[in-house]
PDB file of all heavy atoms in Angstrom:
ATOM      1  N   ASN A   1     145.034 146.678 118.908  1.00  0.00           N
ATOM      2  CA  ASN A   1     146.160 146.784 117.965  1.00  0.00           C
ATOM      3  C   ASN A   1     145.838 146.110 116.634  1.00  0.00           C
ATOM      4  O   ASN A   1     146.233 146.587 115.576  1.00  0.00           O
ATOM      5  CB  ASN A   1     147.458 146.241 118.572  1.00  0.00           C
ATOM      6  CG  ASN A   1     147.348 144.785 118.969  1.00  0.00           C
ATOM      7  OD1 ASN A   1     146.263 144.257 119.187  1.00  0.00           O
ATOM      8  ND2 ASN A   1     148.493 144.140 119.088  1.00  0.00           N
ATOM      9  N   THR A   2     145.106 145.011 116.671  1.00  0.00           N
ATOM     10  CA  THR A   2     144.690 144.332 115.443  1.00  0.00           C
ATOM     11  C   THR A   2     143.714 145.211 114.673  1.00  0.00           C
ATOM     12  O   THR A   2     143.812 145.353 113.446  1.00  0.00           O
ATOM     13  CB  THR A   2     144.044 142.969 115.768  1.00  0.00           C
ATOM     14  OG1 THR A   2     144.986 142.182 116.490  1.00  0.00           O
ATOM     15  CG2 THR A   2     143.614 142.233 114.514  1.00  0.00           C
ATOM     16  N   MET A   3     142.767 145.829 115.397  1.00  0.00           N
ATOM     17  CA  MET A   3     141.788 146.696 114.742  1.00  0.00           C
ATOM     18  C   MET A   3     142.477 147.883 114.107  1.00  0.00           C
ATOM     19  O   MET A   3     142.117 148.307 113.008  1.00  0.00           O
ATOM     20  CB  MET A   3     140.745 147.164 115.761  1.00  0.00           C
ATOM     21  CG  MET A   3     139.533 147.832 115.137  1.00  0.00           C
ATOM     22  SD  MET A   3     138.461 146.625 114.332  1.00  0.00           S
ATOM     23  CE  MET A   3     138.762 146.975 112.623  1.00  0.00           C
ATOM     24  N   SER A   4     143.494 148.413 114.771  1.00  0.00           N
ATOM     25  CA  SER A   4     144.254 149.537 114.228  1.00  0.00           C
ATOM     26  C   SER A   4     144.863 149.180 112.875  1.00  0.00           C
ATOM     27  O   SER A   4     144.835 149.984 111.934  1.00  0.00           O
ATOM     28  CB  SER A   4     145.344 149.951 115.219  1.00  0.00           C
ATOM     29  OG  SER A   4     146.115 150.985 114.688  1.00  0.00           O
ATOM     30  N   THR A   5     145.396 147.991 112.762  1.00  0.00           N
ATOM     31  CA  THR A   5     145.976 147.528 111.502  1.00  0.00           C
ATOM     32  C   THR A   5     144.909 147.433 110.419  1.00  0.00           C
ATOM     33  O   THR A   5     145.110 147.885 109.288  1.00  0.00           O
ATOM     34  CB  THR A   5     146.671 146.167 111.691  1.00  0.00           C
ATOM     35  OG1 THR A   5     147.698 146.313 112.663  1.00  0.00           O
ATOM     36  CG2 THR A   5     147.249 145.651 110.386  1.00  0.00           C
ATOM     37  N   HIS A   6     143.764 146.860 110.770  1.00  0.00           N
ATOM     38  CA  HIS A   6     142.670 146.737 109.795  1.00  0.00           C
ATOM     39  C   HIS A   6     142.185 148.113 109.339  1.00  0.00           C
ATOM     40  O   HIS A   6     141.956 148.334 108.144  1.00  0.00           O
ATOM     41  CB  HIS A   6     141.504 145.954 110.396  1.00  0.00           C
ATOM     42  CG  HIS A   6     141.766 144.494 110.535  1.00  0.00           C
ATOM     43  ND1 HIS A   6     142.209 143.699 109.505  1.00  0.00           N
ATOM     44  CD2 HIS A   6     141.641 143.666 111.608  1.00  0.00           C
ATOM     45  CE1 HIS A   6     142.344 142.452 109.922  1.00  0.00           C
ATOM     46  NE2 HIS A   6     142.011 142.410 111.198  1.00  0.00           N
ATOM     47  N   LEU A   7     142.036 149.041 110.273  1.00  0.00           N
ATOM     48  CA  LEU A   7     141.571 150.381 109.918  1.00  0.00           C
ATOM     49  C   LEU A   7     142.594 151.106 109.051  1.00  0.00           C
ATOM     50  O   LEU A   7     142.223 151.860 108.138  1.00  0.00           O
ATOM     51  CB  LEU A   7     141.254 151.184 111.176  1.00  0.00           C
ATOM     52  CG  LEU A   7     140.022 150.706 111.936  1.00  0.00           C
ATOM     53  CD1 LEU A   7     139.938 151.366 113.309  1.00  0.00           C
ATOM     54  CD2 LEU A   7     138.747 150.952 111.135  1.00  0.00           C
ATOM     55  N   ALA A   8     143.876 150.874 109.284  1.00  0.00           N
ATOM     56  CA  ALA A   8     144.916 151.482 108.455  1.00  0.00           C
ATOM     57  C   ALA A   8     144.828 150.975 107.018  1.00  0.00           C
ATOM     58  O   ALA A   8     145.001 151.748 106.063  1.00  0.00           O
ATOM     59  CB  ALA A   8     146.295 151.203 109.042  1.00  0.00           C
ATOM     60  N   ILE A   9     144.546 149.704 106.848  1.00  0.00           N
ATOM     61  CA  ILE A   9     144.408 149.133 105.501  1.00  0.00           C
ATOM     62  C   ILE A   9     143.204 149.738 104.795  1.00  0.00           C
ATOM     63  O   ILE A   9     143.278 150.116 103.623  1.00  0.00           O
ATOM     64  CB  ILE A   9     144.322 147.597 105.573  1.00  0.00           C
ATOM     65  CG1 ILE A   9     145.678 147.029 106.019  1.00  0.00           C
ATOM     66  CG2 ILE A   9     143.888 146.998 104.231  1.00  0.00           C
ATOM     67  CD1 ILE A   9     145.652 145.563 106.403  1.00  0.00           C
ATOM     68  N   LEU A  10     142.079 149.844 105.511  1.00  0.00           N
ATOM     69  CA  LEU A  10     140.887 150.466 104.922  1.00  0.00           C
ATOM     70  C   LEU A  10     141.145 151.929 104.578  1.00  0.00           C
ATOM     71  O   LEU A  10     140.679 152.431 103.551  1.00  0.00           O
ATOM     72  CB  LEU A  10     139.700 150.340 105.878  1.00  0.00           C
ATOM     73  CG  LEU A  10     139.123 148.941 106.052  1.00  0.00           C
ATOM     74  CD1 LEU A  10     138.157 148.898 107.227  1.00  0.00           C
ATOM     75  CD2 LEU A  10     138.437 148.485 104.765  1.00  0.00           C
ATOM     76  N   SER A  11     141.898 152.597 105.417  1.00  0.00           N
ATOM     77  CA  SER A  11     142.224 154.000 105.184  1.00  0.00           C
ATOM     78  C   SER A  11     143.119 154.160 103.957  1.00  0.00           C
ATOM     79  O   SER A  11     142.880 155.031 103.114  1.00  0.00           O
ATOM     80  CB  SER A  11     142.895 154.578 106.425  1.00  0.00           C
ATOM     81  OG  SER A  11     143.163 155.941 106.246  1.00  0.00           O
ATOM     82  N   ARG A  12     144.143 153.329 103.844  1.00  0.00           N
ATOM     83  CA  ARG A  12     145.034 153.390 102.673  1.00  0.00           C
ATOM     84  C   ARG A  12     144.268 153.105 101.384  1.00  0.00           C
ATOM     85  O   ARG A  12     144.615 153.625 100.326  1.00  0.00           O
ATOM     86  CB  ARG A  12     146.202 152.429 102.828  1.00  0.00           C
ATOM     87  CG  ARG A  12     147.304 152.961 103.719  1.00  0.00           C
ATOM     88  CD  ARG A  12     148.578 152.142 103.619  1.00  0.00           C
ATOM     89  NE  ARG A  12     148.421 150.751 104.012  1.00  0.00           N
ATOM     90  CZ  ARG A  12     148.511 150.300 105.257  1.00  0.00           C
ATOM     91  NH1 ARG A  12     148.736 151.119 106.249  1.00  0.00           N
ATOM     92  NH2 ARG A  12     148.362 149.022 105.506  1.00  0.00           N
ATOM     93  N   ALA A  13     143.235 152.291 101.472  1.00  0.00           N
ATOM     94  CA  ALA A  13     142.411 151.985 100.301  1.00  0.00           C
ATOM     95  C   ALA A  13     141.428 153.116  99.995  1.00  0.00           C
ATOM     96  O   ALA A  13     140.736 153.074  98.978  1.00  0.00           O
ATOM     97  CB  ALA A  13     141.650 150.673 100.525  1.00  0.00           C
ATOM     98  N   GLY A  14     141.357 154.109 100.870  1.00  0.00           N
ATOM     99  CA  GLY A  14     140.457 155.243 100.658  1.00  0.00           C
ATOM    100  C   GLY A  14     139.022 154.989 101.052  1.00  0.00           C
ATOM    101  O   GLY A  14     138.147 155.791 100.753  1.00  0.00           O
ATOM    102  N   LEU A  15     138.768 153.885 101.741  1.00  0.00           N
ATOM    103  CA  LEU A  15     137.395 153.520 102.098  1.00  0.00           C
ATOM    104  C   LEU A  15     136.939 154.117 103.417  1.00  0.00           C
ATOM    105  O   LEU A  15     135.740 154.203 103.674  1.00  0.00           O
ATOM    106  CB  LEU A  15     137.252 152.000 102.138  1.00  0.00           C
ATOM    107  CG  LEU A  15     137.464 151.316 100.787  1.00  0.00           C
ATOM    108  CD1 LEU A  15     137.551 149.813 100.965  1.00  0.00           C
ATOM    109  CD2 LEU A  15     136.356 151.691  99.818  1.00  0.00           C
ATOM    110  N   VAL A  16     137.879 154.513 104.260  1.00  0.00           N
ATOM    111  CA  VAL A  16     137.540 155.166 105.519  1.00  0.00           C
ATOM    112  C   VAL A  16     138.455 156.370 105.704  1.00  0.00           C
ATOM    113  O   VAL A  16     139.550 156.443 105.141  1.00  0.00           O
ATOM    114  CB  VAL A  16     137.648 154.228 106.751  1.00  0.00           C
ATOM    115  CG1 VAL A  16     136.751 153.015 106.603  1.00  0.00           C
ATOM    116  CG2 VAL A  16     139.072 153.820 107.022  1.00  0.00           C
ATOM    117  N   SER A  17     137.974 157.308 106.491  1.00  0.00           N
ATOM    118  CA  SER A  17     138.790 158.460 106.853  1.00  0.00           C
ATOM    119  C   SER A  17     138.884 158.499 108.370  1.00  0.00           C
ATOM    120  O   SER A  17     138.052 157.915 109.073  1.00  0.00           O
ATOM    121  CB  SER A  17     138.186 159.751 106.307  1.00  0.00           C
ATOM    122  OG  SER A  17     136.912 159.969 106.866  1.00  0.00           O
ATOM    123  N   CYS A  18     139.890 159.188 108.853  1.00  0.00           N
ATOM    124  CA  CYS A  18     140.123 159.252 110.283  1.00  0.00           C
ATOM    125  C   CYS A  18     140.332 160.708 110.687  1.00  0.00           C
ATOM    126  O   CYS A  18     141.059 161.445 110.020  1.00  0.00           O
ATOM    127  CB  CYS A  18     141.358 158.432 110.635  1.00  0.00           C
ATOM    128  SG  CYS A  18     141.801 158.509 112.372  1.00  0.00           S
ATOM    129  N   GLN A  19     139.697 161.075 111.777  1.00  0.00           N
ATOM    130  CA  GLN A  19     139.894 162.400 112.347  1.00  0.00           C
ATOM    131  C   GLN A  19     140.465 162.216 113.742  1.00  0.00           C
ATOM    132  O   GLN A  19     139.840 161.601 114.603  1.00  0.00           O
ATOM    133  CB  GLN A  19     138.579 163.166 112.419  1.00  0.00           C
ATOM    134  CG  GLN A  19     138.733 164.564 112.966  1.00  0.00           C
ATOM    135  CD  GLN A  19     137.409 165.296 112.997  1.00  0.00           C
ATOM    136  OE1 GLN A  19     136.350 164.711 112.857  1.00  0.00           O
ATOM    137  NE2 GLN A  19     137.473 166.596 113.194  1.00  0.00           N
ATOM    138  N   LYS A  20     141.671 162.739 113.939  1.00  0.00           N
ATOM    139  CA  LYS A  20     142.339 162.604 115.227  1.00  0.00           C
ATOM    140  C   LYS A  20     142.083 163.848 116.060  1.00  0.00           C
ATOM    141  O   LYS A  20     142.266 164.970 115.593  1.00  0.00           O
ATOM    142  CB  LYS A  20     143.838 162.404 115.023  1.00  0.00           C
ATOM    143  CG  LYS A  20     144.583 162.097 116.287  1.00  0.00           C
ATOM    144  CD  LYS A  20     146.028 161.756 116.007  1.00  0.00           C
ATOM    145  CE  LYS A  20     146.717 161.377 117.298  1.00  0.00           C
ATOM    146  NZ  LYS A  20     148.090 160.985 117.110  1.00  0.00           N
ATOM    147  N   GLN A  21     141.639 163.638 117.290  1.00  0.00           N
ATOM    148  CA  GLN A  21     141.424 164.720 118.243  1.00  0.00           C
ATOM    149  C   GLN A  21     142.098 164.309 119.541  1.00  0.00           C
ATOM    150  O   GLN A  21     141.622 163.400 120.223  1.00  0.00           O
ATOM    151  CB  GLN A  21     139.938 164.974 118.472  1.00  0.00           C
ATOM    152  CG  GLN A  21     139.205 165.466 117.247  1.00  0.00           C
ATOM    153  CD  GLN A  21     137.714 165.588 117.485  1.00  0.00           C
ATOM    154  OE1 GLN A  21     137.163 164.974 118.379  1.00  0.00           O
ATOM    155  NE2 GLN A  21     137.074 166.392 116.662  1.00  0.00           N
ATOM    156  N   SER A  22     143.203 164.948 119.819  1.00  0.00           N
ATOM    157  CA  SER A  22     143.995 164.614 120.995  1.00  0.00           C
ATOM    158  C   SER A  22     144.425 163.154 120.892  1.00  0.00           C
ATOM    159  O   SER A  22     145.127 162.784 119.972  1.00  0.00           O
ATOM    160  CB  SER A  22     143.201 164.901 122.271  1.00  0.00           C
ATOM    161  OG  SER A  22     143.993 164.685 123.411  1.00  0.00           O
ATOM    162  N   ARG A  23     143.945 162.301 121.794  1.00  0.00           N
ATOM    163  CA  ARG A  23     144.331 160.887 121.772  1.00  0.00           C
ATOM    164  C   ARG A  23     143.261 159.992 121.162  1.00  0.00           C
ATOM    165  O   ARG A  23     143.422 158.776 121.126  1.00  0.00           O
ATOM    166  CB  ARG A  23     144.637 160.424 123.199  1.00  0.00           C
ATOM    167  CG  ARG A  23     145.855 161.140 123.779  1.00  0.00           C
ATOM    168  CD  ARG A  23     146.190 160.644 125.149  1.00  0.00           C
ATOM    169  NE  ARG A  23     146.529 159.231 125.077  1.00  0.00           N
ATOM    170  CZ  ARG A  23     146.552 158.422 126.108  1.00  0.00           C
ATOM    171  NH1 ARG A  23     146.264 158.874 127.306  1.00  0.00           N
ATOM    172  NH2 ARG A  23     146.877 157.156 125.965  1.00  0.00           N
ATOM    173  N   THR A  24     142.152 160.572 120.722  1.00  0.00           N
ATOM    174  CA  THR A  24     141.077 159.764 120.141  1.00  0.00           C
ATOM    175  C   THR A  24     141.098 159.857 118.619  1.00  0.00           C
ATOM    176  O   THR A  24     141.471 160.878 118.050  1.00  0.00           O
ATOM    177  CB  THR A  24     139.691 160.201 120.661  1.00  0.00           C
ATOM    178  OG1 THR A  24     139.441 161.542 120.233  1.00  0.00           O
ATOM    179  CG2 THR A  24     139.611 160.103 122.174  1.00  0.00           C
ATOM    180  N   MET A  25     140.691 158.764 118.004  1.00  0.00           N
ATOM    181  CA  MET A  25     140.625 158.705 116.551  1.00  0.00           C
ATOM    182  C   MET A  25     139.224 158.257 116.150  1.00  0.00           C
ATOM    183  O   MET A  25     138.794 157.166 116.510  1.00  0.00           O
ATOM    184  CB  MET A  25     141.682 157.751 116.012  1.00  0.00           C
ATOM    185  CG  MET A  25     143.094 158.210 116.355  1.00  0.00           C
ATOM    186  SD  MET A  25     144.361 157.083 115.806  1.00  0.00           S
ATOM    187  CE  MET A  25     144.411 157.469 114.086  1.00  0.00           C
ATOM    188  N   THR A  26     138.532 159.131 115.423  1.00  0.00           N
ATOM    189  CA  THR A  26     137.193 158.826 114.953  1.00  0.00           C
ATOM    190  C   THR A  26     137.271 158.431 113.488  1.00  0.00           C
ATOM    191  O   THR A  26     137.823 159.163 112.662  1.00  0.00           O
ATOM    192  CB  THR A  26     136.262 160.042 115.110  1.00  0.00           C
ATOM    193  OG1 THR A  26     136.233 160.421 116.489  1.00  0.00           O
ATOM    194  CG2 THR A  26     134.851 159.712 114.650  1.00  0.00           C
ATOM    195  N   TYR A  27     136.725 157.268 113.181  1.00  0.00           N
ATOM    196  CA  TYR A  27     136.729 156.758 111.816  1.00  0.00           C
ATOM    197  C   TYR A  27     135.347 156.906 111.208  1.00  0.00           C
ATOM    198  O   TYR A  27     134.329 156.741 111.888  1.00  0.00           O
ATOM    199  CB  TYR A  27     137.156 155.291 111.791  1.00  0.00           C
ATOM    200  CG  TYR A  27     138.639 155.126 111.970  1.00  0.00           C
ATOM    201  CD1 TYR A  27     139.199 155.063 113.243  1.00  0.00           C
ATOM    202  CD2 TYR A  27     139.486 155.067 110.866  1.00  0.00           C
ATOM    203  CE1 TYR A  27     140.573 154.933 113.402  1.00  0.00           C
ATOM    204  CE2 TYR A  27     140.853 154.938 111.031  1.00  0.00           C
ATOM    205  CZ  TYR A  27     141.385 154.866 112.289  1.00  0.00           C
ATOM    206  OH  TYR A  27     142.736 154.752 112.452  1.00  0.00           O
ATOM    207  N   ARG A  28     135.336 157.199 109.914  1.00  0.00           N
ATOM    208  CA  ARG A  28     134.094 157.319 109.155  1.00  0.00           C
ATOM    209  C   ARG A  28     134.268 156.604 107.816  1.00  0.00           C
ATOM    210  O   ARG A  28     135.368 156.609 107.247  1.00  0.00           O
ATOM    211  CB  ARG A  28     133.773 158.790 108.890  1.00  0.00           C
ATOM    212  CG  ARG A  28     133.397 159.556 110.119  1.00  0.00           C
ATOM    213  CD  ARG A  28     133.153 161.039 109.816  1.00  0.00           C
ATOM    214  NE  ARG A  28     132.778 161.729 111.034  1.00  0.00           N
ATOM    215  CZ  ARG A  28     133.643 162.183 111.937  1.00  0.00           C
ATOM    216  NH1 ARG A  28     134.930 162.005 111.760  1.00  0.00           N
ATOM    217  NH2 ARG A  28     133.230 162.791 113.024  1.00  0.00           N
ATOM    218  N   ALA A  29     133.184 156.045 107.324  1.00  0.00           N
ATOM    219  CA  ALA A  29     133.209 155.486 105.972  1.00  0.00           C
ATOM    220  C   ALA A  29     133.354 156.653 104.997  1.00  0.00           C
ATOM    221  O   ALA A  29     132.736 157.704 105.176  1.00  0.00           O
ATOM    222  CB  ALA A  29     131.927 154.711 105.693  1.00  0.00           C
ATOM    223  N   HIS A  30     134.174 156.496 104.002  1.00  0.00           N
ATOM    224  CA  HIS A  30     134.351 157.536 102.984  1.00  0.00           C
ATOM    225  C   HIS A  30     133.446 157.172 101.806  1.00  0.00           C
ATOM    226  O   HIS A  30     133.843 156.462 100.884  1.00  0.00           O
ATOM    227  CB  HIS A  30     135.825 157.628 102.566  1.00  0.00           C
ATOM    228  CG  HIS A  30     136.109 158.817 101.735  1.00  0.00           C
ATOM    229  ND1 HIS A  30     136.378 158.738 100.401  1.00  0.00           N
ATOM    230  CD2 HIS A  30     136.144 160.136 102.061  1.00  0.00           C
ATOM    231  CE1 HIS A  30     136.571 159.946  99.928  1.00  0.00           C
ATOM    232  NE2 HIS A  30     136.425 160.809 100.914  1.00  0.00           N
ATOM    233  N   LEU A  31     132.211 157.652 101.878  1.00  0.00           N
ATOM    234  CA  LEU A  31     131.184 157.242 100.923  1.00  0.00           C
ATOM    235  C   LEU A  31     131.478 157.621  99.475  1.00  0.00           C
ATOM    236  O   LEU A  31     131.111 156.852  98.574  1.00  0.00           O
ATOM    237  CB  LEU A  31     129.824 157.750 101.383  1.00  0.00           C
ATOM    238  CG  LEU A  31     129.364 157.153 102.730  1.00  0.00           C
ATOM    239  CD1 LEU A  31     128.008 157.705 103.124  1.00  0.00           C
ATOM    240  CD2 LEU A  31     129.349 155.641 102.703  1.00  0.00           C
ATOM    241  N   PRO A  32     132.136 158.743  99.181  1.00  0.00           N
ATOM    242  CA  PRO A  32     132.476 158.989  97.769  1.00  0.00           C
ATOM    243  C   PRO A  32     133.353 157.885  97.170  1.00  0.00           C
ATOM    244  O   PRO A  32     133.185 157.517  96.006  1.00  0.00           O
ATOM    245  CB  PRO A  32     133.210 160.335  97.805  1.00  0.00           C
ATOM    246  CG  PRO A  32     132.643 161.023  99.006  1.00  0.00           C
ATOM    247  CD  PRO A  32     132.443 159.906 100.018  1.00  0.00           C
ATOM    248  N   SER A  33     134.254 157.329  97.960  1.00  0.00           N
ATOM    249  CA  SER A  33     135.085 156.224  97.463  1.00  0.00           C
ATOM    250  C   SER A  33     134.253 154.966  97.235  1.00  0.00           C
ATOM    251  O   SER A  33     134.512 154.209  96.307  1.00  0.00           O
ATOM    252  CB  SER A  33     136.212 155.914  98.443  1.00  0.00           C
ATOM    253  OG  SER A  33     137.120 156.984  98.482  1.00  0.00           O
ATOM    254  N   VAL A  34     133.262 154.767  98.092  1.00  0.00           N
ATOM    255  CA  VAL A  34     132.379 153.609  97.927  1.00  0.00           C
ATOM    256  C   VAL A  34     131.612 153.758  96.618  1.00  0.00           C
ATOM    257  O   VAL A  34     131.488 152.810  95.835  1.00  0.00           O
ATOM    258  CB  VAL A  34     131.424 153.471  99.126  1.00  0.00           C
ATOM    259  CG1 VAL A  34     130.435 152.345  98.899  1.00  0.00           C
ATOM    260  CG2 VAL A  34     132.213 153.261 100.405  1.00  0.00           C
ATOM    261  N   ARG A  35     131.100 154.962  96.388  1.00  0.00           N
ATOM    262  CA  ARG A  35     130.373 155.204  95.143  1.00  0.00           C
ATOM    263  C   ARG A  35     131.288 154.976  93.948  1.00  0.00           C
ATOM    264  O   ARG A  35     130.898 154.330  92.967  1.00  0.00           O
ATOM    265  CB  ARG A  35     129.802 156.617  95.121  1.00  0.00           C
ATOM    266  CG  ARG A  35     128.892 156.823  93.907  1.00  0.00           C
ATOM    267  CD  ARG A  35     128.287 158.190  93.875  1.00  0.00           C
ATOM    268  NE  ARG A  35     129.316 159.076  93.335  1.00  0.00           N
ATOM    269  CZ  ARG A  35     129.357 160.371  93.548  1.00  0.00           C
ATOM    270  NH1 ARG A  35     128.463 160.955  94.297  1.00  0.00           N
ATOM    271  NH2 ARG A  35     130.311 161.101  93.015  1.00  0.00           N
ATOM    272  N   ASP A  36     132.526 155.478  94.022  1.00  0.00           N
ATOM    273  CA  ASP A  36     133.476 155.270  92.923  1.00  0.00           C
ATOM    274  C   ASP A  36     133.730 153.788  92.678  1.00  0.00           C
ATOM    275  O   ASP A  36     133.821 153.354  91.525  1.00  0.00           O
ATOM    276  CB  ASP A  36     134.811 155.963  93.227  1.00  0.00           C
ATOM    277  CG  ASP A  36     134.722 157.478  93.167  1.00  0.00           C
ATOM    278  OD1 ASP A  36     133.705 158.015  92.670  1.00  0.00           O
ATOM    279  OD2 ASP A  36     135.673 158.129  93.651  1.00  0.00           O
ATOM    280  N   LEU A  37     133.836 153.008  93.748  1.00  0.00           N
ATOM    281  CA  LEU A  37     134.068 151.568  93.611  1.00  0.00           C
ATOM    282  C   LEU A  37     132.886 150.882  92.946  1.00  0.00           C
ATOM    283  O   LEU A  37     133.057 150.071  92.034  1.00  0.00           O
ATOM    284  CB  LEU A  37     134.359 150.933  94.972  1.00  0.00           C
ATOM    285  CG  LEU A  37     134.601 149.424  94.970  1.00  0.00           C
ATOM    286  CD1 LEU A  37     135.794 149.051  94.092  1.00  0.00           C
ATOM    287  CD2 LEU A  37     134.795 148.925  96.399  1.00  0.00           C
ATOM    288  N   VAL A  38     131.683 151.221  93.372  1.00  0.00           N
ATOM    289  CA  VAL A  38     130.487 150.607  92.778  1.00  0.00           C
ATOM    290  C   VAL A  38     130.371 150.987  91.300  1.00  0.00           C
ATOM    291  O   VAL A  38     130.110 150.136  90.445  1.00  0.00           O
ATOM    292  CB  VAL A  38     129.213 151.000  93.565  1.00  0.00           C
ATOM    293  CG1 VAL A  38     127.961 150.556  92.831  1.00  0.00           C
ATOM    294  CG2 VAL A  38     129.258 150.404  94.967  1.00  0.00           C
ATOM    295  N   VAL A  39     130.603 152.250  90.998  1.00  0.00           N
ATOM    296  CA  VAL A  39     130.552 152.685  89.599  1.00  0.00           C
ATOM    297  C   VAL A  39     131.632 151.972  88.789  1.00  0.00           C
ATOM    298  O   VAL A  39     131.382 151.516  87.668  1.00  0.00           O
ATOM    299  CB  VAL A  39     130.692 154.222  89.496  1.00  0.00           C
ATOM    300  CG1 VAL A  39     130.921 154.667  88.057  1.00  0.00           C
ATOM    301  CG2 VAL A  39     129.459 154.899  90.072  1.00  0.00           C
ATOM    302  N   TYR A  40     132.823 151.839  89.363  1.00  0.00           N
ATOM    303  CA  TYR A  40     133.905 151.122  88.691  1.00  0.00           C
ATOM    304  C   TYR A  40     133.487 149.678  88.372  1.00  0.00           C
ATOM    305  O   TYR A  40     133.689 149.189  87.264  1.00  0.00           O
ATOM    306  CB  TYR A  40     135.154 151.140  89.572  1.00  0.00           C
ATOM    307  CG  TYR A  40     136.218 150.171  89.140  1.00  0.00           C
ATOM    308  CD1 TYR A  40     137.043 150.440  88.053  1.00  0.00           C
ATOM    309  CD2 TYR A  40     136.400 148.973  89.822  1.00  0.00           C
ATOM    310  CE1 TYR A  40     138.024 149.542  87.660  1.00  0.00           C
ATOM    311  CE2 TYR A  40     137.378 148.081  89.446  1.00  0.00           C
ATOM    312  CZ  TYR A  40     138.190 148.362  88.357  1.00  0.00           C
ATOM    313  OH  TYR A  40     139.149 147.469  87.966  1.00  0.00           O
ATOM    314  N   LEU A  41     132.883 149.015  89.350  1.00  0.00           N
ATOM    315  CA  LEU A  41     132.472 147.624  89.149  1.00  0.00           C
ATOM    316  C   LEU A  41     131.370 147.481  88.114  1.00  0.00           C
ATOM    317  O   LEU A  41     131.304 146.488  87.393  1.00  0.00           O
ATOM    318  CB  LEU A  41     132.005 147.016  90.477  1.00  0.00           C
ATOM    319  CG  LEU A  41     133.086 146.775  91.511  1.00  0.00           C
ATOM    320  CD1 LEU A  41     132.460 146.372  92.836  1.00  0.00           C
ATOM    321  CD2 LEU A  41     134.065 145.722  91.029  1.00  0.00           C
ATOM    322  N   LEU A  42     130.491 148.462  88.059  1.00  0.00           N
ATOM    323  CA  LEU A  42     129.321 148.350  87.197  1.00  0.00           C
ATOM    324  C   LEU A  42     129.428 149.151  85.906  1.00  0.00           C
ATOM    325  O   LEU A  42     128.493 149.155  85.116  1.00  0.00           O
ATOM    326  CB  LEU A  42     128.074 148.793  87.964  1.00  0.00           C
ATOM    327  CG  LEU A  42     127.770 147.952  89.201  1.00  0.00           C
ATOM    328  CD1 LEU A  42     126.578 148.522  89.938  1.00  0.00           C
ATOM    329  CD2 LEU A  42     127.528 146.507  88.817  1.00  0.00           C
ATOM    330  N   ARG A  43     130.553 149.823  85.708  1.00  0.00           N
ATOM    331  CA  ARG A  43     130.714 150.625  84.500  1.00  0.00           C
ATOM    332  C   ARG A  43     130.430 149.772  83.279  1.00  0.00           C
ATOM    333  O   ARG A  43     130.905 148.653  83.149  1.00  0.00           O
ATOM    334  CB  ARG A  43     132.138 151.179  84.429  1.00  0.00           C
ATOM    335  CG  ARG A  43     132.317 152.139  83.250  1.00  0.00           C
ATOM    336  CD  ARG A  43     133.724 152.702  83.188  1.00  0.00           C
ATOM    337  NE  ARG A  43     134.057 153.368  84.430  1.00  0.00           N
ATOM    338  CZ  ARG A  43     135.213 153.190  85.077  1.00  0.00           C
ATOM    339  NH1 ARG A  43     136.115 152.361  84.612  1.00  0.00           N
ATOM    340  NH2 ARG A  43     135.444 153.835  86.190  1.00  0.00           N
ATOM    341  N   ASP A  44     129.621 150.298  82.440  1.00  0.00           N
ATOM    342  CA  ASP A  44     129.239 149.623  81.196  1.00  0.00           C
ATOM    343  C   ASP A  44     128.551 148.283  81.433  1.00  0.00           C
ATOM    344  O   ASP A  44     128.551 147.415  80.561  1.00  0.00           O
ATOM    345  CB  ASP A  44     130.466 149.430  80.282  1.00  0.00           C
ATOM    346  CG  ASP A  44     131.113 150.741  79.910  1.00  0.00           C
ATOM    347  OD1 ASP A  44     130.370 151.723  79.706  1.00  0.00           O
ATOM    348  OD2 ASP A  44     132.348 150.797  79.841  1.00  0.00           O
ATOM    349  N   CYS A  45     127.950 148.120  82.613  1.00  0.00           N
ATOM    350  CA  CYS A  45     127.286 146.842  82.897  1.00  0.00           C
ATOM    351  C   CYS A  45     126.117 146.606  81.961  1.00  0.00           C
ATOM    352  O   CYS A  45     125.768 145.478  81.675  1.00  0.00           O
ATOM    353  CB  CYS A  45     126.819 146.775  84.356  1.00  0.00           C
ATOM    354  SG  CYS A  45     125.372 147.782  84.713  1.00  0.00           S
TER     355      CYS A  45
END
């Protein structure tokens, strides 16, 4: 239940995506968002 809360926060931030199949939920890192974050941090560096 604690992990579910953490994954929901990461999902709302756009950093992970979730695919639900029946009762299972598979999470993946959302790499385009990671790239956007890194570019945001380093823009005009």
